[in-house]
Amino acid sequence: MKELSQEEWQSQLQQDENAVILDVRTEEEVEDGYIPNAKNLDIYKGQEFVNEVEKLDKNKNYYIYCRSGKRSAQACTILDQMNFANTYNLEGGFMEWEGEKAED
C-alpha cells in the first residue's frame, strides 16, 4: 500500500491506464456523492467484501477511498495480503476530495 495525498492520488490516477477505483464505504455514504467510475465494495460486509475482492484482477492498480482514509487503509492491507500488485490509499478520504464528484 502506498499512501497518496489528494493531489498525488488524482494526478497518478489520471495517468494510470491500469487503474481501478474502489469505494469501500457503505451504500448510504455513496448516496451522498462518489468519485466517478468507482466500484463500491462495502468493507463493513466482512466476508462478502473479501469474496468480491477475490473476483478482481490482481494485476490492476487499485485506488481505494472511504470517508476519512481509515477503512481504505484497511482495504489496502487486505488486498496487499491477497497479493494484489498495487494499492493506493487516498489520505483524508472522500471528505477532503476536491476532484469532480458525481451526485444523484
N, C-alpha and C. Protein backbone atom coordinates (compact mmCIF):
# COMPACT_ATOMS: atom_id res chain seq x y z
N MET A 1 0.84 -1.18 0.00
CA MET A 1 0.00 0.00 0.00
C MET A 1 0.88 1.24 0.00
N LYS A 2 0.43 2.20 -0.76
CA LYS A 2 1.10 3.49 -0.75
C LYS A 2 0.06 4.54 -0.38
N GLU A 3 0.42 5.39 0.59
CA GLU A 3 -0.46 6.49 0.99
C GLU A 3 -0.21 7.65 0.02
N LEU A 4 -1.26 8.15 -0.60
CA LEU A 4 -1.12 9.26 -1.52
C LEU A 4 -1.96 10.44 -1.05
N SER A 5 -1.39 11.63 -1.18
CA SER A 5 -2.16 12.84 -0.87
C SER A 5 -3.25 13.00 -1.92
N GLN A 6 -4.19 13.88 -1.67
CA GLN A 6 -5.27 14.12 -2.64
C GLN A 6 -4.69 14.44 -4.02
N GLU A 7 -3.69 15.32 -4.06
CA GLU A 7 -3.11 15.75 -5.33
C GLU A 7 -2.39 14.60 -6.02
N GLU A 8 -1.60 13.84 -5.26
CA GLU A 8 -0.87 12.70 -5.83
C GLU A 8 -1.84 11.66 -6.38
N TRP A 9 -2.89 11.38 -5.61
CA TRP A 9 -3.88 10.37 -5.96
C TRP A 9 -4.54 10.74 -7.29
N GLN A 10 -5.01 11.98 -7.38
CA GLN A 10 -5.69 12.43 -8.60
C GLN A 10 -4.75 12.44 -9.80
N SER A 11 -3.54 12.96 -9.61
CA SER A 11 -2.58 13.05 -10.70
C SER A 11 -2.18 11.67 -11.21
N GLN A 12 -1.85 10.77 -10.29
CA GLN A 12 -1.43 9.42 -10.67
C GLN A 12 -2.57 8.66 -11.32
N LEU A 13 -3.77 8.81 -10.78
CA LEU A 13 -4.95 8.12 -11.30
C LEU A 13 -5.22 8.53 -12.76
N GLN A 14 -5.11 9.81 -13.05
CA GLN A 14 -5.37 10.32 -14.40
C GLN A 14 -4.40 9.75 -15.43
N GLN A 15 -3.20 9.41 -15.00
CA GLN A 15 -2.17 8.91 -15.92
C GLN A 15 -2.09 7.39 -15.96
N ASP A 16 -2.90 6.71 -15.15
CA ASP A 16 -2.81 5.26 -14.99
C ASP A 16 -3.88 4.56 -15.83
N GLU A 17 -3.44 3.92 -16.91
CA GLU A 17 -4.38 3.21 -17.79
C GLU A 17 -4.79 1.85 -17.21
N ASN A 18 -4.17 1.44 -16.12
CA ASN A 18 -4.46 0.16 -15.49
C ASN A 18 -5.17 0.35 -14.15
N ALA A 19 -5.82 1.50 -13.99
CA ALA A 19 -6.40 1.88 -12.70
C ALA A 19 -7.82 1.37 -12.50
N VAL A 20 -8.12 1.01 -11.25
CA VAL A 20 -9.47 0.70 -10.80
C VAL A 20 -9.69 1.50 -9.53
N ILE A 21 -10.82 2.22 -9.45
CA ILE A 21 -11.14 2.99 -8.24
C ILE A 21 -12.09 2.15 -7.40
N LEU A 22 -11.73 1.92 -6.15
CA LEU A 22 -12.59 1.19 -5.21
C LEU A 22 -13.07 2.13 -4.11
N ASP A 23 -14.38 2.17 -3.93
CA ASP A 23 -15.02 2.92 -2.87
C ASP A 23 -15.47 1.90 -1.84
N VAL A 24 -14.88 1.93 -0.64
CA VAL A 24 -15.18 0.90 0.36
C VAL A 24 -16.17 1.40 1.43
N ARG A 25 -16.93 2.45 1.09
CA ARG A 25 -17.92 3.00 2.02
C ARG A 25 -19.24 2.23 1.92
N THR A 26 -20.15 2.56 2.84
CA THR A 26 -21.47 1.96 2.83
C THR A 26 -22.32 2.55 1.71
N GLU A 27 -23.40 1.86 1.35
CA GLU A 27 -24.29 2.35 0.30
C GLU A 27 -24.87 3.71 0.68
N GLU A 28 -25.16 3.90 1.97
CA GLU A 28 -25.71 5.18 2.43
C GLU A 28 -24.71 6.32 2.20
N GLU A 29 -23.45 6.05 2.46
CA GLU A 29 -22.42 7.07 2.24
C GLU A 29 -22.27 7.38 0.75
N VAL A 30 -22.37 6.37 -0.08
CA VAL A 30 -22.24 6.55 -1.53
C VAL A 30 -23.37 7.45 -2.05
N GLU A 31 -24.55 7.34 -1.43
CA GLU A 31 -25.69 8.17 -1.85
C GLU A 31 -25.42 9.66 -1.67
N ASP A 32 -24.46 10.00 -0.80
CA ASP A 32 -24.11 11.41 -0.56
C ASP A 32 -23.13 11.95 -1.60
N GLY A 33 -22.68 11.11 -2.51
CA GLY A 33 -21.74 11.50 -3.55
C GLY A 33 -20.62 10.48 -3.65
N TYR A 34 -19.97 10.45 -4.80
CA TYR A 34 -18.91 9.47 -5.03
C TYR A 34 -17.99 9.97 -6.13
N ILE A 35 -16.86 9.32 -6.26
CA ILE A 35 -15.91 9.63 -7.32
C ILE A 35 -16.35 8.87 -8.56
N PRO A 36 -16.50 9.55 -9.70
CA PRO A 36 -16.97 8.88 -10.93
C PRO A 36 -16.16 7.63 -11.26
N ASN A 37 -16.87 6.62 -11.76
CA ASN A 37 -16.30 5.34 -12.20
C ASN A 37 -15.79 4.46 -11.07
N ALA A 38 -16.13 4.79 -9.83
CA ALA A 38 -15.70 3.96 -8.70
C ALA A 38 -16.58 2.72 -8.56
N LYS A 39 -15.95 1.63 -8.18
CA LYS A 39 -16.68 0.39 -7.87
C LYS A 39 -16.87 0.35 -6.36
N ASN A 40 -18.12 0.21 -5.92
CA ASN A 40 -18.41 0.21 -4.49
C ASN A 40 -18.40 -1.21 -3.93
N LEU A 41 -17.50 -1.44 -2.97
CA LEU A 41 -17.43 -2.69 -2.21
C LEU A 41 -17.34 -2.31 -0.74
N ASP A 42 -18.43 -2.45 -0.01
CA ASP A 42 -18.51 -2.04 1.39
C ASP A 42 -17.65 -2.94 2.28
N ILE A 43 -16.59 -2.38 2.86
CA ILE A 43 -15.67 -3.17 3.69
C ILE A 43 -16.36 -3.70 4.95
N TYR A 44 -17.44 -3.03 5.40
CA TYR A 44 -18.16 -3.49 6.58
C TYR A 44 -18.90 -4.80 6.36
N LYS A 45 -18.96 -5.26 5.12
CA LYS A 45 -19.66 -6.52 4.83
C LYS A 45 -18.78 -7.74 5.08
N GLY A 46 -17.57 -7.52 5.59
CA GLY A 46 -16.71 -8.63 6.03
C GLY A 46 -16.40 -9.64 4.96
N GLN A 47 -16.85 -10.88 5.16
CA GLN A 47 -16.52 -11.96 4.24
C GLN A 47 -17.07 -11.70 2.84
N GLU A 48 -18.22 -11.06 2.76
CA GLU A 48 -18.77 -10.72 1.44
C GLU A 48 -17.82 -9.76 0.71
N PHE A 49 -17.23 -8.83 1.44
CA PHE A 49 -16.23 -7.92 0.86
C PHE A 49 -15.05 -8.74 0.32
N VAL A 50 -14.53 -9.65 1.13
CA VAL A 50 -13.39 -10.49 0.72
C VAL A 50 -13.76 -11.31 -0.51
N ASN A 51 -14.97 -11.87 -0.52
CA ASN A 51 -15.41 -12.68 -1.66
C ASN A 51 -15.43 -11.85 -2.95
N GLU A 52 -15.89 -10.60 -2.86
CA GLU A 52 -15.94 -9.72 -4.04
C GLU A 52 -14.52 -9.33 -4.48
N VAL A 53 -13.65 -9.08 -3.51
CA VAL A 53 -12.26 -8.72 -3.82
C VAL A 53 -11.58 -9.86 -4.57
N GLU A 54 -11.87 -11.10 -4.18
CA GLU A 54 -11.26 -12.26 -4.82
C GLU A 54 -11.57 -12.34 -6.31
N LYS A 55 -12.64 -11.71 -6.74
CA LYS A 55 -13.04 -11.72 -8.16
C LYS A 55 -12.29 -10.68 -8.98
N LEU A 56 -11.57 -9.78 -8.32
CA LEU A 56 -10.89 -8.69 -9.01
C LEU A 56 -9.57 -9.13 -9.63
N ASP A 57 -9.13 -8.42 -10.65
CA ASP A 57 -7.86 -8.68 -11.33
C ASP A 57 -6.71 -8.17 -10.46
N LYS A 58 -5.87 -9.07 -10.00
CA LYS A 58 -4.78 -8.70 -9.09
C LYS A 58 -3.68 -7.90 -9.76
N ASN A 59 -3.69 -7.83 -11.08
CA ASN A 59 -2.65 -7.10 -11.80
C ASN A 59 -3.01 -5.64 -12.06
N LYS A 60 -4.21 -5.24 -11.70
CA LYS A 60 -4.63 -3.84 -11.86
C LYS A 60 -4.06 -3.01 -10.71
N ASN A 61 -4.12 -1.70 -10.85
CA ASN A 61 -3.70 -0.78 -9.79
C ASN A 61 -4.96 -0.25 -9.12
N TYR A 62 -5.08 -0.46 -7.83
CA TYR A 62 -6.30 -0.11 -7.10
C TYR A 62 -6.13 1.16 -6.29
N TYR A 63 -6.96 2.13 -6.62
CA TYR A 63 -7.03 3.41 -5.92
C TYR A 63 -8.24 3.33 -5.02
N ILE A 64 -7.99 3.30 -3.72
CA ILE A 64 -9.04 2.97 -2.76
C ILE A 64 -9.33 4.15 -1.86
N TYR A 65 -10.64 4.41 -1.65
CA TYR A 65 -11.01 5.50 -0.76
C TYR A 65 -12.23 5.14 0.08
N CYS A 66 -12.37 5.86 1.20
CA CYS A 66 -13.53 5.78 2.07
C CYS A 66 -13.83 7.21 2.51
N ARG A 67 -14.53 7.37 3.60
CA ARG A 67 -14.89 8.71 4.05
C ARG A 67 -13.69 9.48 4.56
N SER A 68 -12.86 8.82 5.40
CA SER A 68 -11.76 9.55 6.05
C SER A 68 -10.36 8.99 5.76
N GLY A 69 -10.27 7.82 5.15
CA GLY A 69 -8.97 7.22 4.85
C GLY A 69 -8.62 6.03 5.71
N LYS A 70 -9.38 5.77 6.77
CA LYS A 70 -9.06 4.64 7.66
C LYS A 70 -9.51 3.30 7.08
N ARG A 71 -10.77 3.21 6.65
CA ARG A 71 -11.26 1.94 6.08
C ARG A 71 -10.53 1.62 4.78
N SER A 72 -10.21 2.64 4.00
CA SER A 72 -9.49 2.38 2.74
C SER A 72 -8.09 1.86 3.03
N ALA A 73 -7.46 2.33 4.10
CA ALA A 73 -6.16 1.80 4.50
C ALA A 73 -6.29 0.33 4.88
N GLN A 74 -7.37 -0.02 5.59
CA GLN A 74 -7.62 -1.43 5.93
C GLN A 74 -7.83 -2.25 4.66
N ALA A 75 -8.59 -1.70 3.72
CA ALA A 75 -8.85 -2.41 2.46
C ALA A 75 -7.55 -2.63 1.70
N CYS A 76 -6.68 -1.62 1.67
CA CYS A 76 -5.39 -1.76 1.01
C CYS A 76 -4.59 -2.90 1.63
N THR A 77 -4.60 -2.97 2.96
CA THR A 77 -3.88 -4.03 3.66
C THR A 77 -4.43 -5.40 3.28
N ILE A 78 -5.74 -5.52 3.22
CA ILE A 78 -6.38 -6.80 2.83
C ILE A 78 -5.96 -7.19 1.42
N LEU A 79 -6.04 -6.23 0.48
CA LEU A 79 -5.65 -6.53 -0.90
C LEU A 79 -4.17 -6.88 -0.99
N ASP A 80 -3.34 -6.18 -0.23
CA ASP A 80 -1.90 -6.49 -0.22
C ASP A 80 -1.67 -7.92 0.26
N GLN A 81 -2.40 -8.33 1.31
CA GLN A 81 -2.25 -9.69 1.85
C GLN A 81 -2.73 -10.74 0.85
N MET A 82 -3.62 -10.31 -0.06
CA MET A 82 -4.14 -11.22 -1.08
C MET A 82 -3.30 -11.15 -2.36
N ASN A 83 -2.12 -10.54 -2.27
CA ASN A 83 -1.15 -10.47 -3.36
C ASN A 83 -1.58 -9.62 -4.55
N PHE A 84 -2.32 -8.53 -4.29
CA PHE A 84 -2.62 -7.58 -5.34
C PHE A 84 -1.35 -6.78 -5.61
N ALA A 85 -1.12 -6.45 -6.88
CA ALA A 85 0.14 -5.81 -7.29
C ALA A 85 0.32 -4.43 -6.66
N ASN A 86 -0.67 -3.54 -6.79
CA ASN A 86 -0.52 -2.17 -6.32
C ASN A 86 -1.81 -1.64 -5.72
N THR A 87 -1.70 -1.10 -4.51
CA THR A 87 -2.85 -0.45 -3.87
C THR A 87 -2.43 0.92 -3.40
N TYR A 88 -3.34 1.87 -3.58
CA TYR A 88 -3.07 3.27 -3.22
C TYR A 88 -4.22 3.79 -2.36
N ASN A 89 -3.89 4.27 -1.19
CA ASN A 89 -4.89 4.81 -0.27
C ASN A 89 -5.00 6.32 -0.42
N LEU A 90 -6.23 6.82 -0.47
CA LEU A 90 -6.48 8.25 -0.56
C LEU A 90 -6.45 8.84 0.85
N GLU A 91 -5.35 9.54 1.18
CA GLU A 91 -5.22 10.15 2.51
C GLU A 91 -6.33 11.19 2.70
N GLY A 92 -6.97 11.15 3.84
CA GLY A 92 -8.02 12.11 4.14
C GLY A 92 -9.38 11.70 3.60
N GLY A 93 -9.39 10.74 2.69
CA GLY A 93 -10.63 10.20 2.18
C GLY A 93 -11.49 11.17 1.37
N PHE A 94 -12.74 10.76 1.19
CA PHE A 94 -13.68 11.48 0.34
C PHE A 94 -14.07 12.83 0.93
N MET A 95 -13.98 12.96 2.27
CA MET A 95 -14.35 14.22 2.91
C MET A 95 -13.50 15.37 2.38
N GLU A 96 -12.25 15.08 2.01
CA GLU A 96 -11.35 16.12 1.54
C GLU A 96 -11.20 16.14 0.02
N TRP A 97 -11.95 15.29 -0.67
CA TRP A 97 -11.83 15.17 -2.12
C TRP A 97 -12.21 16.48 -2.80
N GLU A 98 -11.34 16.95 -3.67
CA GLU A 98 -11.59 18.21 -4.36
C GLU A 98 -11.79 17.99 -5.86
N GLY A 99 -11.73 16.75 -6.29
CA GLY A 99 -11.92 16.47 -7.70
C GLY A 99 -13.40 16.51 -8.06
N GLU A 100 -13.69 16.03 -9.23
CA GLU A 100 -15.07 16.00 -9.70
C GLU A 100 -15.86 14.95 -8.91
N LYS A 101 -16.98 15.36 -8.34
CA LYS A 101 -17.83 14.44 -7.59
C LYS A 101 -19.10 14.19 -8.39
N ALA A 102 -19.54 12.95 -8.38
CA ALA A 102 -20.81 12.63 -9.01
C ALA A 102 -21.89 12.71 -7.94
N GLU A 103 -22.96 13.35 -8.25
CA GLU A 103 -24.08 13.49 -7.30
C GLU A 103 -25.34 12.97 -7.97
N ASP A 104 -26.22 12.41 -7.19
CA ASP A 104 -27.51 11.96 -7.74
C ASP A 104 -28.53 13.07 -7.70
